[in-house]
Amino acid sequence: MNQKGKILVVDDDRLVLATLTHGLAQAGYEVIDADNGDDAILLARQHKPDLALLDIRMEGKSGFDVAAYLREYCQIPFMFLSAFSDEATIRQVNELGALTYLIKPLDIGQIVPAVESAFANRANAASLKKSPAPNVPEAQPIEAPQASLEPQADPLKQVVALAVGIVMHRQSLSRRQALARLQQQATQEGCAMDALAERLINAQEVLAGLGSL
């Protein structure tokens, strides 16, 4: 099976860990899991994942400790999943340069589009690095799209990327195919891509809110 990428998932709640691992594997990703920070660092060094999903508050090394190591020594992008959204936590998330920050509780239907968006943004950053641009520092290709976390913490600020992720997940398309599908739909409706993307995300949120019928 052709997998979309390799993801390290770290959470000390075994049920959450199992749910995320199963859901992301079903979505086409190779998943490596750890229930503590020490194991997470060892696995990251051994397997070199494309992305890490980190819980923040864990026994021993916290998600912040793991994130700092991944950024400093492995250059692996990461996103946080946490039940905490206080000002101090958000500030530290911002300082570490996370791709995004998702508030628990979450279901896999919400997480997969965010992961797809992270991979899409990472690919865009790589493309920008290949084309010399004065505002894109070559020394930090992973952090270049993350100039400020606060706009990215709000999905409406990156609606097109999230919409691409949703279309990829729901229709099993590549990033280019999903983007082309959105562009074609926007052209047919005579509306802007941002407007179409926001409408799609709103529809996804409504469906997620309905749960299992």
C-alpha atoms as a PDB file:
ATOM      1  CA  MET A   1       0.000   0.000   0.000  1.00  0.00           C
ATOM      2  CA  ASN A   2       1.339   3.423  -0.918  1.00  0.00           C
ATOM      3  CA  GLN A   3       1.332   5.456   2.275  1.00  0.00           C
ATOM      4  CA  LYS A   4       0.952   9.218   2.420  1.00  0.00           C
ATOM      5  CA  GLY A   5       3.672   9.781   4.990  1.00  0.00           C
ATOM      6  CA  LYS A   6       5.073   8.723   8.340  1.00  0.00           C
ATOM      7  CA  ILE A   7       3.617  10.213  11.543  1.00  0.00           C
ATOM      8  CA  LEU A   8       4.804   9.935  15.144  1.00  0.00           C
ATOM      9  CA  VAL A   9       1.885  10.095  17.611  1.00  0.00           C
ATOM     10  CA  VAL A  10       2.647  10.707  21.296  1.00  0.00           C
ATOM     11  CA  ASP A  11       0.034  10.623  24.078  1.00  0.00           C
ATOM     12  CA  ASP A  12       0.108   9.123  27.579  1.00  0.00           C
ATOM     13  CA  ASP A  13      -3.593   8.254  27.353  1.00  0.00           C
ATOM     14  CA  ARG A  14      -3.546   4.751  25.860  1.00  0.00           C
ATOM     15  CA  LEU A  15      -7.123   5.009  24.575  1.00  0.00           C
ATOM     16  CA  VAL A  16      -6.444   8.291  22.779  1.00  0.00           C
ATOM     17  CA  LEU A  17      -3.186   6.868  21.420  1.00  0.00           C
ATOM     18  CA  ALA A  18      -4.896   3.753  20.059  1.00  0.00           C
ATOM     19  CA  THR A  19      -7.715   5.801  18.500  1.00  0.00           C
ATOM     20  CA  LEU A  20      -5.326   8.199  16.758  1.00  0.00           C
ATOM     21  CA  THR A  21      -3.024   5.425  15.582  1.00  0.00           C
ATOM     22  CA  HIS A  22      -5.884   3.392  14.113  1.00  0.00           C
ATOM     23  CA  GLY A  23      -7.599   6.387  12.496  1.00  0.00           C
ATOM     24  CA  LEU A  24      -4.448   7.752  10.861  1.00  0.00           C
ATOM     25  CA  ALA A  25      -3.455   4.284   9.632  1.00  0.00           C
ATOM     26  CA  GLN A  26      -6.919   3.913   8.085  1.00  0.00           C
ATOM     27  CA  ALA A  27      -6.399   7.291   6.387  1.00  0.00           C
ATOM     28  CA  GLY A  28      -3.270   5.949   4.677  1.00  0.00           C
ATOM     29  CA  TYR A  29      -0.427   7.014   6.977  1.00  0.00           C
ATOM     30  CA  GLU A  30       2.365   4.947   8.479  1.00  0.00           C
ATOM     31  CA  VAL A  31       2.041   5.547  12.221  1.00  0.00           C
ATOM     32  CA  ILE A  32       4.607   5.180  15.004  1.00  0.00           C
ATOM     33  CA  ASP A  33       3.257   5.639  18.536  1.00  0.00           C
ATOM     34  CA  ALA A  34       4.715   6.347  21.959  1.00  0.00           C
ATOM     35  CA  ASP A  35       3.083   6.914  25.352  1.00  0.00           C
ATOM     36  CA  ASN A  36       5.926   8.969  26.870  1.00  0.00           C
ATOM     37  CA  GLY A  37       8.422  11.613  25.831  1.00  0.00           C
ATOM     38  CA  ASP A  38      11.596   9.534  26.184  1.00  0.00           C
ATOM     39  CA  ASP A  39      10.327   6.809  23.853  1.00  0.00           C
ATOM     40  CA  ALA A  40       9.063   9.477  21.450  1.00  0.00           C
ATOM     41  CA  ILE A  41      12.545  10.967  21.069  1.00  0.00           C
ATOM     42  CA  LEU A  42      14.130   7.545  20.525  1.00  0.00           C
ATOM     43  CA  LEU A  43      11.520   6.631  17.893  1.00  0.00           C
ATOM     44  CA  ALA A  44      11.920   9.984  16.159  1.00  0.00           C
ATOM     45  CA  ARG A  45      15.679   9.472  15.865  1.00  0.00           C
ATOM     46  CA  GLN A  46      15.222   5.912  14.630  1.00  0.00           C
ATOM     47  CA  HIS A  47      12.330   6.337  12.164  1.00  0.00           C
ATOM     48  CA  LYS A  48      12.618  10.017  11.132  1.00  0.00           C
ATOM     49  CA  PRO A  49       8.864  10.667  10.725  1.00  0.00           C
ATOM     50  CA  ASP A  50       7.525  13.400   8.457  1.00  0.00           C
ATOM     51  CA  LEU A  51       5.295  14.852  11.201  1.00  0.00           C
ATOM     52  CA  ALA A  52       4.736  14.456  14.956  1.00  0.00           C
ATOM     53  CA  LEU A  53       1.439  14.808  16.849  1.00  0.00           C
ATOM     54  CA  LEU A  54       2.237  15.586  20.482  1.00  0.00           C
ATOM     55  CA  ASP A  55       0.189  15.640  23.645  1.00  0.00           C
ATOM     56  CA  ILE A  56       1.535  18.389  25.929  1.00  0.00           C
ATOM     57  CA  ARG A  57       1.150  17.259  29.544  1.00  0.00           C
ATOM     58  CA  MET A  58       2.728  13.862  30.162  1.00  0.00           C
ATOM     59  CA  GLU A  59       4.730  12.231  32.939  1.00  0.00           C
ATOM     60  CA  GLY A  60       8.477  12.732  32.530  1.00  0.00           C
ATOM     61  CA  LYS A  61       9.310  14.673  29.380  1.00  0.00           C
ATOM     62  CA  SER A  62       6.410  16.857  28.289  1.00  0.00           C
ATOM     63  CA  GLY A  63       5.238  17.428  24.748  1.00  0.00           C
ATOM     64  CA  PHE A  64       7.079  20.752  24.872  1.00  0.00           C
ATOM     65  CA  ASP A  65      10.337  18.932  25.713  1.00  0.00           C
ATOM     66  CA  VAL A  66       9.829  16.527  22.814  1.00  0.00           C
ATOM     67  CA  ALA A  67       8.943  19.371  20.430  1.00  0.00           C
ATOM     68  CA  ALA A  68      12.073  21.325  21.359  1.00  0.00           C
ATOM     69  CA  TYR A  69      14.210  18.247  20.662  1.00  0.00           C
ATOM     70  CA  LEU A  70      12.488  17.509  17.347  1.00  0.00           C
ATOM     71  CA  ARG A  71      13.004  21.072  16.172  1.00  0.00           C
ATOM     72  CA  GLU A  72      16.593  21.409  17.368  1.00  0.00           C
ATOM     73  CA  TYR A  73      18.069  18.034  16.470  1.00  0.00           C
ATOM     74  CA  CYS A  74      15.752  16.288  13.991  1.00  0.00           C
ATOM     75  CA  GLN A  75      14.097  19.119  12.026  1.00  0.00           C
ATOM     76  CA  ILE A  76      10.783  17.275  12.258  1.00  0.00           C
ATOM     77  CA  PRO A  77       7.621  19.456  12.137  1.00  0.00           C
ATOM     78  CA  PHE A  78       5.058  18.920  14.870  1.00  0.00           C
ATOM     79  CA  MET A  79       1.566  19.841  15.974  1.00  0.00           C
ATOM     80  CA  PHE A  80       0.064  19.746  19.462  1.00  0.00           C
ATOM     81  CA  LEU A  81      -3.127  18.034  20.681  1.00  0.00           C
ATOM     82  CA  SER A  82      -4.092  19.198  24.149  1.00  0.00           C
ATOM     83  CA  ALA A  83      -7.043  19.807  26.443  1.00  0.00           C
ATOM     84  CA  PHE A  84      -5.374  22.994  27.703  1.00  0.00           C
ATOM     85  CA  SER A  85      -5.666  26.373  25.987  1.00  0.00           C
ATOM     86  CA  ASP A  86      -4.564  28.866  28.648  1.00  0.00           C
ATOM     87  CA  GLU A  87      -2.491  31.883  27.683  1.00  0.00           C
ATOM     88  CA  ALA A  88       0.823  30.477  28.995  1.00  0.00           C
ATOM     89  CA  THR A  89       0.362  27.259  27.027  1.00  0.00           C
ATOM     90  CA  ILE A  90      -0.493  29.101  23.812  1.00  0.00           C
ATOM     91  CA  ARG A  91       2.535  31.371  24.277  1.00  0.00           C
ATOM     92  CA  GLN A  92       4.892  28.399  24.621  1.00  0.00           C
ATOM     93  CA  VAL A  93       3.296  26.635  21.640  1.00  0.00           C
ATOM     94  CA  ASN A  94       3.910  29.775  19.602  1.00  0.00           C
ATOM     95  CA  GLU A  95       7.526  30.060  20.729  1.00  0.00           C
ATOM     96  CA  LEU A  96       8.247  26.460  19.754  1.00  0.00           C
ATOM     97  CA  GLY A  97       6.905  26.998  16.225  1.00  0.00           C
ATOM     98  CA  ALA A  98       4.251  24.273  16.055  1.00  0.00           C
ATOM     99  CA  LEU A  99       2.387  23.782  12.784  1.00  0.00           C
ATOM    100  CA  THR A 100      -0.923  24.059  14.593  1.00  0.00           C
ATOM    101  CA  TYR A 101      -2.592  23.492  17.957  1.00  0.00           C
ATOM    102  CA  LEU A 102      -5.782  21.451  18.294  1.00  0.00           C
ATOM    103  CA  ILE A 103      -7.938  21.456  21.404  1.00  0.00           C
ATOM    104  CA  LYS A 104      -9.211  18.131  22.773  1.00  0.00           C
ATOM    105  CA  PRO A 105     -11.613  16.411  22.721  1.00  0.00           C
ATOM    106  CA  LEU A 106     -11.212  15.666  19.011  1.00  0.00           C
ATOM    107  CA  ASP A 107     -12.344  12.870  16.762  1.00  0.00           C
ATOM    108  CA  ILE A 108     -10.263  11.437  13.945  1.00  0.00           C
ATOM    109  CA  GLY A 109     -12.520  13.138  11.380  1.00  0.00           C
ATOM    110  CA  GLN A 110     -11.240  16.495  12.638  1.00  0.00           C
ATOM    111  CA  ILE A 111      -7.602  15.472  13.000  1.00  0.00           C
ATOM    112  CA  VAL A 112      -7.079  13.930   9.548  1.00  0.00           C
ATOM    113  CA  PRO A 113      -7.890  17.177   7.642  1.00  0.00           C
ATOM    114  CA  ALA A 114      -5.502  19.063   9.937  1.00  0.00           C
ATOM    115  CA  VAL A 115      -2.788  16.504   9.191  1.00  0.00           C
ATOM    116  CA  GLU A 116      -3.487  16.743   5.456  1.00  0.00           C
ATOM    117  CA  SER A 117      -3.207  20.516   5.754  1.00  0.00           C
ATOM    118  CA  ALA A 118       0.123  20.213   7.576  1.00  0.00           C
ATOM    119  CA  PHE A 119       1.525  18.009   4.808  1.00  0.00           C
ATOM    120  CA  ALA A 120       0.215  20.439   2.173  1.00  0.00           C
ATOM    121  CA  ASN A 121       1.809  23.410   3.946  1.00  0.00           C
ATOM    122  CA  ARG A 122       5.083  21.504   4.297  1.00  0.00           C
ATOM    123  CA  ALA A 123       5.116  20.772   0.561  1.00  0.00           C
ATOM    124  CA  ASN A 124       4.429  24.460  -0.166  1.00  0.00           C
ATOM    125  CA  ALA A 125       7.324  25.471   2.104  1.00  0.00           C
ATOM    126  CA  ALA A 126       9.643  23.085   0.236  1.00  0.00           C
ATOM    127  CA  SER A 127       8.567  24.607  -3.083  1.00  0.00           C
ATOM    128  CA  LEU A 128       9.254  28.115  -1.780  1.00  0.00           C
ATOM    129  CA  LYS A 129      12.693  27.036  -0.624  1.00  0.00           C
ATOM    130  CA  LYS A 130      13.582  25.898  -4.147  1.00  0.00           C
ATOM    131  CA  SER A 131      12.624  29.324  -5.548  1.00  0.00           C
ATOM    132  CA  PRO A 132      14.796  32.077  -3.985  1.00  0.00           C
ATOM    133  CA  ALA A 133      12.594  34.520  -2.091  1.00  0.00           C
ATOM    134  CA  PRO A 134      13.844  37.297   0.194  1.00  0.00           C
ATOM    135  CA  ASN A 135      11.234  36.649   2.890  1.00  0.00           C
ATOM    136  CA  VAL A 136      11.796  32.897   3.218  1.00  0.00           C
ATOM    137  CA  PRO A 137      14.864  32.077   5.369  1.00  0.00           C
ATOM    138  CA  GLU A 138      16.670  29.032   3.908  1.00  0.00           C
ATOM    139  CA  ALA A 139      18.023  28.023   7.311  1.00  0.00           C
ATOM    140  CA  GLN A 140      14.542  27.238   8.647  1.00  0.00           C
ATOM    141  CA  PRO A 141      12.444  25.603   5.899  1.00  0.00           C
ATOM    142  CA  ILE A 142      10.095  23.889   8.337  1.00  0.00           C
ATOM    143  CA  GLU A 143       9.356  26.993  10.400  1.00  0.00           C
ATOM    144  CA  ALA A 144       9.035  29.408   7.461  1.00  0.00           C
ATOM    145  CA  PRO A 145       5.220  29.042   7.174  1.00  0.00           C
ATOM    146  CA  GLN A 146       4.893  29.415  10.949  1.00  0.00           C
ATOM    147  CA  ALA A 147       5.758  33.101  11.339  1.00  0.00           C
ATOM    148  CA  SER A 148       2.953  33.379  13.877  1.00  0.00           C
ATOM    149  CA  LEU A 149       0.998  30.536  15.437  1.00  0.00           C
ATOM    150  CA  GLU A 150      -2.049  32.598  16.375  1.00  0.00           C
ATOM    151  CA  PRO A 151      -3.399  32.975  12.815  1.00  0.00           C
ATOM    152  CA  GLN A 152      -2.876  29.241  12.232  1.00  0.00           C
ATOM    153  CA  ALA A 153      -4.612  28.273  15.459  1.00  0.00           C
ATOM    154  CA  ASP A 154      -7.774  29.578  13.795  1.00  0.00           C
ATOM    155  CA  PRO A 155      -8.692  27.249  10.895  1.00  0.00           C
ATOM    156  CA  LEU A 156     -10.444  30.110   9.088  1.00  0.00           C
ATOM    157  CA  LYS A 157      -7.063  31.756   8.527  1.00  0.00           C
ATOM    158  CA  GLN A 158      -5.880  28.818   6.381  1.00  0.00           C
ATOM    159  CA  VAL A 159      -9.148  27.814   4.806  1.00  0.00           C
ATOM    160  CA  VAL A 160      -7.824  26.713   1.406  1.00  0.00           C
ATOM    161  CA  ALA A 161      -5.205  24.359   2.848  1.00  0.00           C
ATOM    162  CA  LEU A 162      -7.754  22.839   5.252  1.00  0.00           C
ATOM    163  CA  ALA A 163     -10.303  22.470   2.462  1.00  0.00           C
ATOM    164  CA  VAL A 164      -7.693  20.686   0.346  1.00  0.00           C
ATOM    165  CA  GLY A 165      -7.094  18.312   3.268  1.00  0.00           C
ATOM    166  CA  ILE A 166     -10.817  17.606   3.611  1.00  0.00           C
ATOM    167  CA  VAL A 167     -11.210  16.857  -0.118  1.00  0.00           C
ATOM    168  CA  MET A 168      -8.108  14.626  -0.065  1.00  0.00           C
ATOM    169  CA  HIS A 169      -9.486  12.640   2.845  1.00  0.00           C
ATOM    170  CA  ARG A 170     -13.092  12.342   1.671  1.00  0.00           C
ATOM    171  CA  GLN A 171     -12.351  11.580  -2.005  1.00  0.00           C
ATOM    172  CA  SER A 172      -8.943   9.824  -1.719  1.00  0.00           C
ATOM    173  CA  LEU A 173      -7.198  12.343  -3.963  1.00  0.00           C
ATOM    174  CA  SER A 174      -3.665  13.700  -4.077  1.00  0.00           C
ATOM    175  CA  ARG A 175      -3.002  17.311  -3.023  1.00  0.00           C
ATOM    176  CA  ARG A 176      -2.851  18.493  -6.649  1.00  0.00           C
ATOM    177  CA  GLN A 177      -6.037  16.642  -7.576  1.00  0.00           C
ATOM    178  CA  ALA A 178      -7.885  18.013  -4.539  1.00  0.00           C
ATOM    179  CA  LEU A 179      -6.743  21.579  -5.259  1.00  0.00           C
ATOM    180  CA  ALA A 180      -7.749  21.222  -8.914  1.00  0.00           C
ATOM    181  CA  ARG A 181     -11.178  19.925  -7.847  1.00  0.00           C
ATOM    182  CA  LEU A 182     -11.683  22.976  -5.609  1.00  0.00           C
ATOM    183  CA  GLN A 183     -10.506  25.380  -8.323  1.00  0.00           C
ATOM    184  CA  GLN A 184     -12.866  23.796 -10.845  1.00  0.00           C
ATOM    185  CA  GLN A 185     -15.797  24.048  -8.421  1.00  0.00           C
ATOM    186  CA  ALA A 186     -15.001  27.689  -7.621  1.00  0.00           C
ATOM    187  CA  THR A 187     -14.860  28.509 -11.340  1.00  0.00           C
ATOM    188  CA  GLN A 188     -18.189  26.783 -11.994  1.00  0.00           C
ATOM    189  CA  GLU A 189     -19.850  28.661  -9.139  1.00  0.00           C
ATOM    190  CA  GLY A 190     -18.154  31.946  -9.970  1.00  0.00           C
ATOM    191  CA  CYS A 191     -16.898  32.442  -6.424  1.00  0.00           C
ATOM    192  CA  ALA A 192     -13.508  32.970  -4.763  1.00  0.00           C
ATOM    193  CA  MET A 193     -11.504  29.959  -3.548  1.00  0.00           C
ATOM    194  CA  ASP A 194     -11.507  31.307   0.019  1.00  0.00           C
ATOM    195  CA  ALA A 195     -15.307  31.538   0.042  1.00  0.00           C
ATOM    196  CA  LEU A 196     -15.715  28.004  -1.320  1.00  0.00           C
ATOM    197  CA  ALA A 197     -13.136  26.626   1.105  1.00  0.00           C
ATOM    198  CA  GLU A 198     -14.789  28.284   4.104  1.00  0.00           C
ATOM    199  CA  ARG A 199     -18.176  26.894   3.054  1.00  0.00           C
ATOM    200  CA  LEU A 200     -16.706  23.389   2.808  1.00  0.00           C
ATOM    201  CA  ILE A 201     -15.078  23.652   6.238  1.00  0.00           C
ATOM    202  CA  ASN A 202     -18.324  24.913   7.781  1.00  0.00           C
ATOM    203  CA  ALA A 203     -20.166  21.938   6.261  1.00  0.00           C
ATOM    204  CA  GLN A 204     -17.528  19.565   7.665  1.00  0.00           C
ATOM    205  CA  GLU A 205     -17.932  21.103  11.136  1.00  0.00           C
ATOM    206  CA  VAL A 206     -21.692  20.606  10.966  1.00  0.00           C
ATOM    207  CA  LEU A 207     -21.252  16.935   9.978  1.00  0.00           C
ATOM    208  CA  ALA A 208     -18.691  16.413  12.740  1.00  0.00           C
ATOM    209  CA  GLY A 209     -21.115  17.911  15.251  1.00  0.00           C
ATOM    210  CA  LEU A 210     -23.831  15.428  14.298  1.00  0.00           C
ATOM    211  CA  GLY A 211     -21.735  12.467  15.421  1.00  0.00           C
ATOM    212  CA  SER A 212     -22.908   8.958  14.544  1.00  0.00           C
ATOM    213  CA  LEU A 213     -26.500   8.952  13.305  1.00  0.00           C
END
